[in-house]
Amino acid sequence: MRMSIRQDANYRQGLRRSSFILLPHAVARELMASWLRRNGITELTSKLLERLVQAAKTFPIGQSVHVSKGWKLTVGKRYLALGRIER
């Protein structure tokens, strides 16, 4: 599982949801923070990371959560994806 998580973290389009759900909470939080930073989202708080990890693990497919200015996290069937909020 370690290799697939490392590979997923390198992709801009998303993290593999099935692997992410199986991670211990603390590890999932660190992976989420690293992935967001690699995608240019640097204004992270522990409260935001908690909310995003909970959403990634529990939200139904197709639901989104606001990440920061202009960004959202969308829960897909196979991947967690970052996307721009269209206004």
PDB file of N, CA and C in Angstrom:
ATOM      1  N   MET A   1       0.825  -1.187   0.000  1.00  0.00           N
ATOM      2  CA  MET A   1       0.000   0.000   0.000  1.00  0.00           C
ATOM      3  C   MET A   1       0.871   1.253   0.000  1.00  0.00           C
ATOM      4  N   ARG A   2       2.037   1.213   0.622  1.00  0.00           N
ATOM      5  CA  ARG A   2       2.896   2.388   0.706  1.00  0.00           C
ATOM      6  C   ARG A   2       3.248   2.926  -0.672  1.00  0.00           C
ATOM      7  N   MET A   3       3.578   2.056  -1.609  1.00  0.00           N
ATOM      8  CA  MET A   3       3.966   2.497  -2.933  1.00  0.00           C
ATOM      9  C   MET A   3       2.811   3.186  -3.659  1.00  0.00           C
ATOM     10  N   SER A   4       1.615   2.634  -3.564  1.00  0.00           N
ATOM     11  CA  SER A   4       0.490   3.251  -4.267  1.00  0.00           C
ATOM     12  C   SER A   4       0.152   4.617  -3.688  1.00  0.00           C
ATOM     13  N   ILE A   5       0.327   4.795  -2.397  1.00  0.00           N
ATOM     14  CA  ILE A   5       0.050   6.095  -1.781  1.00  0.00           C
ATOM     15  C   ILE A   5       1.088   7.118  -2.241  1.00  0.00           C
ATOM     16  N   ARG A   6       2.343   6.742  -2.274  1.00  0.00           N
ATOM     17  CA  ARG A   6       3.375   7.655  -2.770  1.00  0.00           C
ATOM     18  C   ARG A   6       3.102   8.050  -4.212  1.00  0.00           C
ATOM     19  N   GLN A   7       2.733   7.093  -5.027  1.00  0.00           N
ATOM     20  CA  GLN A   7       2.436   7.394  -6.423  1.00  0.00           C
ATOM     21  C   GLN A   7       1.230   8.324  -6.517  1.00  0.00           C
ATOM     22  N   ASP A   8       0.196   8.060  -5.730  1.00  0.00           N
ATOM     23  CA  ASP A   8      -0.996   8.902  -5.770  1.00  0.00           C
ATOM     24  C   ASP A   8      -0.669  10.336  -5.371  1.00  0.00           C
ATOM     25  N   ALA A   9       0.172  10.520  -4.376  1.00  0.00           N
ATOM     26  CA  ALA A   9       0.494  11.861  -3.897  1.00  0.00           C
ATOM     27  C   ALA A   9       1.203  12.691  -4.965  1.00  0.00           C
ATOM     28  N   ASN A  10       1.819  12.032  -5.943  1.00  0.00           N
ATOM     29  CA  ASN A  10       2.511  12.756  -7.005  1.00  0.00           C
ATOM     30  C   ASN A  10       1.572  13.253  -8.091  1.00  0.00           C
ATOM     31  N   TYR A  11       0.380  12.735  -8.159  1.00  0.00           N
ATOM     32  CA  TYR A  11      -0.553  13.142  -9.200  1.00  0.00           C
ATOM     33  C   TYR A  11      -1.363  14.343  -8.755  1.00  0.00           C
ATOM     34  N   ARG A  12      -1.457  15.323  -9.629  1.00  0.00           N
ATOM     35  CA  ARG A  12      -2.248  16.511  -9.330  1.00  0.00           C
ATOM     36  C   ARG A  12      -3.739  16.184  -9.308  1.00  0.00           C
ATOM     37  N   GLN A  13      -4.174  15.236 -10.139  1.00  0.00           N
ATOM     38  CA  GLN A  13      -5.596  15.011 -10.281  1.00  0.00           C
ATOM     39  C   GLN A  13      -6.247  14.338  -9.084  1.00  0.00           C
ATOM     40  N   GLY A  14      -5.525  13.633  -8.258  1.00  0.00           N
ATOM     41  CA  GLY A  14      -6.198  13.075  -7.106  1.00  0.00           C
ATOM     42  C   GLY A  14      -5.454  12.003  -6.351  1.00  0.00           C
ATOM     43  N   LEU A  15      -6.034  11.660  -5.209  1.00  0.00           N
ATOM     44  CA  LEU A  15      -5.546  10.576  -4.372  1.00  0.00           C
ATOM     45  C   LEU A  15      -6.511   9.407  -4.517  1.00  0.00           C
ATOM     46  N   ARG A  16      -5.989   8.211  -4.493  1.00  0.00           N
ATOM     47  CA  ARG A  16      -6.839   7.024  -4.570  1.00  0.00           C
ATOM     48  C   ARG A  16      -7.624   6.900  -3.266  1.00  0.00           C
ATOM     49  N   ARG A  17      -8.941   6.973  -3.369  1.00  0.00           N
ATOM     50  CA  ARG A  17      -9.794   7.009  -2.191  1.00  0.00           C
ATOM     51  C   ARG A  17      -9.717   5.715  -1.378  1.00  0.00           C
ATOM     52  N   SER A  18      -9.708   4.575  -2.035  1.00  0.00           N
ATOM     53  CA  SER A  18      -9.690   3.295  -1.310  1.00  0.00           C
ATOM     54  C   SER A  18      -8.446   3.166  -0.433  1.00  0.00           C
ATOM     55  N   SER A  19      -7.299   3.616  -0.921  1.00  0.00           N
ATOM     56  CA  SER A  19      -6.068   3.586  -0.126  1.00  0.00           C
ATOM     57  C   SER A  19      -6.130   4.599   1.007  1.00  0.00           C
ATOM     58  N   PHE A  20      -6.677   5.774   0.720  1.00  0.00           N
ATOM     59  CA  PHE A  20      -6.752   6.842   1.708  1.00  0.00           C
ATOM     60  C   PHE A  20      -7.630   6.448   2.891  1.00  0.00           C
ATOM     61  N   ILE A  21      -8.760   5.819   2.618  1.00  0.00           N
ATOM     62  CA  ILE A  21      -9.695   5.425   3.674  1.00  0.00           C
ATOM     63  C   ILE A  21      -9.060   4.448   4.651  1.00  0.00           C
ATOM     64  N   LEU A  22      -8.181   3.596   4.172  1.00  0.00           N
ATOM     65  CA  LEU A  22      -7.561   2.576   5.023  1.00  0.00           C
ATOM     66  C   LEU A  22      -6.444   3.110   5.914  1.00  0.00           C
ATOM     67  N   LEU A  23      -5.967   4.315   5.642  1.00  0.00           N
ATOM     68  CA  LEU A  23      -4.864   4.874   6.422  1.00  0.00           C
ATOM     69  C   LEU A  23      -5.307   5.230   7.837  1.00  0.00           C
ATOM     70  N   PRO A  24      -4.391   5.094   8.808  1.00  0.00           N
ATOM     71  CA  PRO A  24      -4.683   5.625  10.145  1.00  0.00           C
ATOM     72  C   PRO A  24      -4.913   7.137  10.031  1.00  0.00           C
ATOM     73  N   HIS A  25      -5.718   7.679  10.912  1.00  0.00           N
ATOM     74  CA  HIS A  25      -6.123   9.076  10.809  1.00  0.00           C
ATOM     75  C   HIS A  25      -4.928  10.041  10.758  1.00  0.00           C
ATOM     76  N   ALA A  26      -3.960   9.844  11.614  1.00  0.00           N
ATOM     77  CA  ALA A  26      -2.798  10.743  11.653  1.00  0.00           C
ATOM     78  C   ALA A  26      -2.020  10.704  10.339  1.00  0.00           C
ATOM     79  N   VAL A  27      -1.880   9.537   9.759  1.00  0.00           N
ATOM     80  CA  VAL A  27      -1.170   9.394   8.483  1.00  0.00           C
ATOM     81  C   VAL A  27      -1.975  10.047   7.361  1.00  0.00           C
ATOM     82  N   ALA A  28      -3.283   9.844   7.375  1.00  0.00           N
ATOM     83  CA  ALA A  28      -4.150  10.456   6.367  1.00  0.00           C
ATOM     84  C   ALA A  28      -4.061  11.977   6.435  1.00  0.00           C
ATOM     85  N   ARG A  29      -3.995  12.518   7.639  1.00  0.00           N
ATOM     86  CA  ARG A  29      -3.883  13.969   7.806  1.00  0.00           C
ATOM     87  C   ARG A  29      -2.578  14.484   7.208  1.00  0.00           C
ATOM     88  N   GLU A  30      -1.478  13.791   7.469  1.00  0.00           N
ATOM     89  CA  GLU A  30      -0.173  14.200   6.925  1.00  0.00           C
ATOM     90  C   GLU A  30      -0.146  14.087   5.400  1.00  0.00           C
ATOM     91  N   LEU A  31      -0.717  13.013   4.868  1.00  0.00           N
ATOM     92  CA  LEU A  31      -0.762  12.837   3.422  1.00  0.00           C
ATOM     93  C   LEU A  31      -1.604  13.934   2.780  1.00  0.00           C
ATOM     94  N   MET A  32      -2.737  14.257   3.384  1.00  0.00           N
ATOM     95  CA  MET A  32      -3.606  15.320   2.864  1.00  0.00           C
ATOM     96  C   MET A  32      -2.846  16.652   2.849  1.00  0.00           C
ATOM     97  N   ALA A  33      -2.149  16.962   3.930  1.00  0.00           N
ATOM     98  CA  ALA A  33      -1.391  18.218   4.004  1.00  0.00           C
ATOM     99  C   ALA A  33      -0.311  18.266   2.931  1.00  0.00           C
ATOM    100  N   SER A  34       0.404  17.174   2.751  1.00  0.00           N
ATOM    101  CA  SER A  34       1.463  17.120   1.747  1.00  0.00           C
ATOM    102  C   SER A  34       0.898  17.286   0.341  1.00  0.00           C
ATOM    103  N   TRP A  35      -0.190  16.601   0.058  1.00  0.00           N
ATOM    104  CA  TRP A  35      -0.827  16.671  -1.260  1.00  0.00           C
ATOM    105  C   TRP A  35      -1.328  18.082  -1.560  1.00  0.00           C
ATOM    106  N   LEU A  36      -1.942  18.716  -0.577  1.00  0.00           N
ATOM    107  CA  LEU A  36      -2.436  20.085  -0.771  1.00  0.00           C
ATOM    108  C   LEU A  36      -1.278  21.054  -1.020  1.00  0.00           C
ATOM    109  N   ARG A  37      -0.202  20.908  -0.247  1.00  0.00           N
ATOM    110  CA  ARG A  37       0.965  21.786  -0.437  1.00  0.00           C
ATOM    111  C   ARG A  37       1.570  21.611  -1.826  1.00  0.00           C
ATOM    112  N   ARG A  38       1.647  20.375  -2.290  1.00  0.00           N
ATOM    113  CA  ARG A  38       2.196  20.115  -3.629  1.00  0.00           C
ATOM    114  C   ARG A  38       1.342  20.729  -4.726  1.00  0.00           C
ATOM    115  N   ASN A  39       0.091  20.969  -4.419  1.00  0.00           N
ATOM    116  CA  ASN A  39      -0.827  21.569  -5.380  1.00  0.00           C
ATOM    117  C   ASN A  39      -1.003  23.062  -5.143  1.00  0.00           C
ATOM    118  N   GLY A  40      -0.125  23.661  -4.337  1.00  0.00           N
ATOM    119  CA  GLY A  40      -0.107  25.106  -4.162  1.00  0.00           C
ATOM    120  C   GLY A  40      -1.030  25.652  -3.090  1.00  0.00           C
ATOM    121  N   ILE A  41      -1.636  24.798  -2.288  1.00  0.00           N
ATOM    122  CA  ILE A  41      -2.505  25.252  -1.206  1.00  0.00           C
ATOM    123  C   ILE A  41      -1.685  25.199   0.086  1.00  0.00           C
ATOM    124  N   THR A  42      -1.276  26.362   0.545  1.00  0.00           N
ATOM    125  CA  THR A  42      -0.353  26.414   1.685  1.00  0.00           C
ATOM    126  C   THR A  42      -0.977  26.949   2.969  1.00  0.00           C
ATOM    127  N   GLU A  43      -2.149  27.554   2.868  1.00  0.00           N
ATOM    128  CA  GLU A  43      -2.810  28.084   4.059  1.00  0.00           C
ATOM    129  C   GLU A  43      -3.608  26.975   4.728  1.00  0.00           C
ATOM    130  N   LEU A  44      -2.927  26.146   5.509  1.00  0.00           N
ATOM    131  CA  LEU A  44      -3.554  24.991   6.136  1.00  0.00           C
ATOM    132  C   LEU A  44      -3.588  25.148   7.651  1.00  0.00           C
ATOM    133  N   THR A  45      -4.698  24.796   8.225  1.00  0.00           N
ATOM    134  CA  THR A  45      -4.834  24.762   9.686  1.00  0.00           C
ATOM    135  C   THR A  45      -5.181  23.341  10.088  1.00  0.00           C
ATOM    136  N   SER A  46      -4.970  23.019  11.354  1.00  0.00           N
ATOM    137  CA  SER A  46      -5.311  21.673  11.813  1.00  0.00           C
ATOM    138  C   SER A  46      -6.816  21.436  11.713  1.00  0.00           C
ATOM    139  N   LYS A  47      -7.597  22.464  11.933  1.00  0.00           N
ATOM    140  CA  LYS A  47      -9.057  22.348  11.831  1.00  0.00           C
ATOM    141  C   LYS A  47      -9.476  22.030  10.388  1.00  0.00           C
ATOM    142  N   LEU A  48      -8.868  22.711   9.424  1.00  0.00           N
ATOM    143  CA  LEU A  48      -9.169  22.463   8.017  1.00  0.00           C
ATOM    144  C   LEU A  48      -8.765  21.045   7.623  1.00  0.00           C
ATOM    145  N   LEU A  49      -7.574  20.616   8.038  1.00  0.00           N
ATOM    146  CA  LEU A  49      -7.120  19.268   7.694  1.00  0.00           C
ATOM    147  C   LEU A  49      -8.051  18.206   8.283  1.00  0.00           C
ATOM    148  N   GLU A  50      -8.499  18.398   9.517  1.00  0.00           N
ATOM    149  CA  GLU A  50      -9.444  17.463  10.137  1.00  0.00           C
ATOM    150  C   GLU A  50     -10.720  17.369   9.311  1.00  0.00           C
ATOM    151  N   ARG A  51     -11.237  18.511   8.898  1.00  0.00           N
ATOM    152  CA  ARG A  51     -12.471  18.555   8.126  1.00  0.00           C
ATOM    153  C   ARG A  51     -12.303  17.849   6.781  1.00  0.00           C
ATOM    154  N   LEU A  52     -11.175  18.089   6.125  1.00  0.00           N
ATOM    155  CA  LEU A  52     -10.937  17.483   4.817  1.00  0.00           C
ATOM    156  C   LEU A  52     -10.733  15.971   4.901  1.00  0.00           C
ATOM    157  N   VAL A  53     -10.013  15.521   5.909  1.00  0.00           N
ATOM    158  CA  VAL A  53      -9.800  14.076   6.078  1.00  0.00           C
ATOM    159  C   VAL A  53     -11.123  13.380   6.389  1.00  0.00           C
ATOM    160  N   GLN A  54     -11.922  13.967   7.275  1.00  0.00           N
ATOM    161  CA  GLN A  54     -13.228  13.390   7.582  1.00  0.00           C
ATOM    162  C   GLN A  54     -14.107  13.335   6.331  1.00  0.00           C
ATOM    163  N   ALA A  55     -14.099  14.405   5.559  1.00  0.00           N
ATOM    164  CA  ALA A  55     -14.893  14.441   4.331  1.00  0.00           C
ATOM    165  C   ALA A  55     -14.408  13.377   3.346  1.00  0.00           C
ATOM    166  N   ALA A  56     -13.103  13.270   3.182  1.00  0.00           N
ATOM    167  CA  ALA A  56     -12.531  12.315   2.231  1.00  0.00           C
ATOM    168  C   ALA A  56     -12.901  10.876   2.594  1.00  0.00           C
ATOM    169  N   LYS A  57     -12.992  10.606   3.884  1.00  0.00           N
ATOM    170  CA  LYS A  57     -13.276   9.246   4.333  1.00  0.00           C
ATOM    171  C   LYS A  57     -14.766   8.939   4.426  1.00  0.00           C
ATOM    172  N   THR A  58     -15.616   9.947   4.593  1.00  0.00           N
ATOM    173  CA  THR A  58     -17.021   9.664   4.894  1.00  0.00           C
ATOM    174  C   THR A  58     -18.046  10.240   3.917  1.00  0.00           C
ATOM    175  N   PHE A  59     -17.686  11.249   3.140  1.00  0.00           N
ATOM    176  CA  PHE A  59     -18.668  11.860   2.244  1.00  0.00           C
ATOM    177  C   PHE A  59     -19.093  10.882   1.152  1.00  0.00           C
ATOM    178  N   PRO A  60     -20.352  10.977   0.732  1.00  0.00           N
ATOM    179  CA  PRO A  60     -20.793  10.147  -0.395  1.00  0.00           C
ATOM    180  C   PRO A  60     -20.164  10.624  -1.704  1.00  0.00           C
ATOM    181  N   ILE A  61     -20.154   9.745  -2.674  1.00  0.00           N
ATOM    182  CA  ILE A  61     -19.587  10.045  -3.990  1.00  0.00           C
ATOM    183  C   ILE A  61     -20.283  11.262  -4.597  1.00  0.00           C
ATOM    184  N   GLY A  62     -19.472  12.174  -5.132  1.00  0.00           N
ATOM    185  CA  GLY A  62     -19.987  13.365  -5.799  1.00  0.00           C
ATOM    186  C   GLY A  62     -20.099  14.591  -4.916  1.00  0.00           C
ATOM    187  N   GLN A  63     -19.947  14.429  -3.614  1.00  0.00           N
ATOM    188  CA  GLN A  63     -20.047  15.580  -2.720  1.00  0.00           C
ATOM    189  C   GLN A  63     -18.701  16.300  -2.640  1.00  0.00           C
ATOM    190  N   SER A  64     -18.753  17.612  -2.454  1.00  0.00           N
ATOM    191  CA  SER A  64     -17.543  18.442  -2.390  1.00  0.00           C
ATOM    192  C   SER A  64     -17.483  19.203  -1.081  1.00  0.00           C
ATOM    193  N   VAL A  65     -16.268  19.615  -0.740  1.00  0.00           N
ATOM    194  CA  VAL A  65     -16.043  20.440   0.445  1.00  0.00           C
ATOM    195  C   VAL A  65     -15.068  21.555   0.068  1.00  0.00           C
ATOM    196  N   HIS A  66     -15.316  22.754   0.576  1.00  0.00           N
ATOM    197  CA  HIS A  66     -14.463  23.918   0.309  1.00  0.00           C
ATOM    198  C   HIS A  66     -13.114  23.724   0.990  1.00  0.00           C
ATOM    199  N   VAL A  67     -12.040  23.992   0.258  1.00  0.00           N
ATOM    200  CA  VAL A  67     -10.688  23.850   0.807  1.00  0.00           C
ATOM    201  C   VAL A  67     -10.118  25.209   1.173  1.00  0.00           C
ATOM    202  N   SER A  68     -10.008  26.085   0.205  1.00  0.00           N
ATOM    203  CA  SER A  68      -9.504  27.441   0.444  1.00  0.00           C
ATOM    204  C   SER A  68      -9.944  28.306  -0.725  1.00  0.00           C
ATOM    205  N   LYS A  69      -9.413  29.498  -0.781  1.00  0.00           N
ATOM    206  CA  LYS A  69      -9.804  30.455  -1.826  1.00  0.00           C
ATOM    207  C   LYS A  69      -9.796  29.819  -3.216  1.00  0.00           C
ATOM    208  N   GLY A  70     -10.991  29.581  -3.753  1.00  0.00           N
ATOM    209  CA  GLY A  70     -11.107  29.088  -5.109  1.00  0.00           C
ATOM    210  C   GLY A  70     -10.904  27.593  -5.298  1.00  0.00           C
ATOM    211  N   TRP A  71     -10.718  26.824  -4.238  1.00  0.00           N
ATOM    212  CA  TRP A  71     -10.455  25.392  -4.351  1.00  0.00           C
ATOM    213  C   TRP A  71     -11.494  24.573  -3.597  1.00  0.00           C
ATOM    214  N   LYS A  72     -11.794  23.385  -4.149  1.00  0.00           N
ATOM    215  CA  LYS A  72     -12.674  22.446  -3.470  1.00  0.00           C
ATOM    216  C   LYS A  72     -12.105  21.037  -3.610  1.00  0.00           C
ATOM    217  N   LEU A  73     -12.475  20.177  -2.676  1.00  0.00           N
ATOM    218  CA  LEU A  73     -12.118  18.766  -2.708  1.00  0.00           C
ATOM    219  C   LEU A  73     -13.391  17.999  -3.045  1.00  0.00           C
ATOM    220  N   THR A  74     -13.351  17.210  -4.104  1.00  0.00           N
ATOM    221  CA  THR A  74     -14.508  16.428  -4.519  1.00  0.00           C
ATOM    222  C   THR A  74     -14.225  14.955  -4.297  1.00  0.00           C
ATOM    223  N   VAL A  75     -15.186  14.273  -3.692  1.00  0.00           N
ATOM    224  CA  VAL A  75     -15.069  12.849  -3.423  1.00  0.00           C
ATOM    225  C   VAL A  75     -15.651  12.091  -4.610  1.00  0.00           C
ATOM    226  N   GLY A  76     -14.790  11.353  -5.284  1.00  0.00           N
ATOM    227  CA  GLY A  76     -15.229  10.535  -6.410  1.00  0.00           C
ATOM    228  C   GLY A  76     -15.285   9.072  -6.015  1.00  0.00           C
ATOM    229  N   LYS A  77     -15.728   8.243  -6.919  1.00  0.00           N
ATOM    230  CA  LYS A  77     -15.827   6.812  -6.632  1.00  0.00           C
ATOM    231  C   LYS A  77     -14.449   6.214  -6.358  1.00  0.00           C
ATOM    232  N   ARG A  78     -13.462   6.604  -7.155  1.00  0.00           N
ATOM    233  CA  ARG A  78     -12.114   6.045  -7.003  1.00  0.00           C
ATOM    234  C   ARG A  78     -11.081   7.047  -6.491  1.00  0.00           C
ATOM    235  N   TYR A  79     -11.315   8.320  -6.748  1.00  0.00           N
ATOM    236  CA  TYR A  79     -10.305   9.320  -6.408  1.00  0.00           C
ATOM    237  C   TYR A  79     -10.879  10.484  -5.621  1.00  0.00           C
ATOM    238  N   LEU A  80     -10.007  11.117  -4.870  1.00  0.00           N
ATOM    239  CA  LEU A  80     -10.277  12.419  -4.245  1.00  0.00           C
ATOM    240  C   LEU A  80      -9.619  13.433  -5.168  1.00  0.00           C
ATOM    241  N   ALA A  81     -10.361  14.418  -5.586  1.00  0.00           N
ATOM    242  CA  ALA A  81      -9.844  15.351  -6.582  1.00  0.00           C
ATOM    243  C   ALA A  81      -9.951  16.790  -6.104  1.00  0.00           C
ATOM    244  N   LEU A  82      -8.923  17.578  -6.410  1.00  0.00           N
ATOM    245  CA  LEU A  82      -8.950  19.010  -6.178  1.00  0.00           C
ATOM    246  C   LEU A  82      -9.445  19.690  -7.442  1.00  0.00           C
ATOM    247  N   GLY A  83     -10.263  20.687  -7.261  1.00  0.00           N
ATOM    248  CA  GLY A  83     -10.750  21.423  -8.418  1.00  0.00           C
ATOM    249  C   GLY A  83     -10.997  22.879  -8.081  1.00  0.00           C
ATOM    250  N   ARG A  84     -11.071  23.665  -9.088  1.00  0.00           N
ATOM    251  CA  ARG A  84     -11.365  25.101  -8.929  1.00  0.00           C
ATOM    252  C   ARG A  84     -12.845  25.291  -8.736  1.00  0.00           C
ATOM    253  N   ILE A  85     -13.207  26.243  -7.899  1.00  0.00           N
ATOM    254  CA  ILE A  85     -14.602  26.616  -7.719  1.00  0.00           C
ATOM    255  C   ILE A  85     -14.941  27.615  -8.797  1.00  0.00           C
ATOM    256  N   GLU A  86     -15.934  27.281  -9.591  1.00  0.00           N
ATOM    257  CA  GLU A  86     -16.351  28.188 -10.674  1.00  0.00           C
ATOM    258  C   GLU A  86     -17.359  29.182 -10.126  1.00  0.00           C
ATOM    259  N   ARG A  87     -17.138  30.448 -10.447  1.00  0.00           N
ATOM    260  CA  ARG A  87     -18.037  31.501  -9.959  1.00  0.00           C
ATOM    261  C   ARG A  87     -18.727  32.159 -11.089  1.00  0.00           C
TER     262      ARG A  87
END
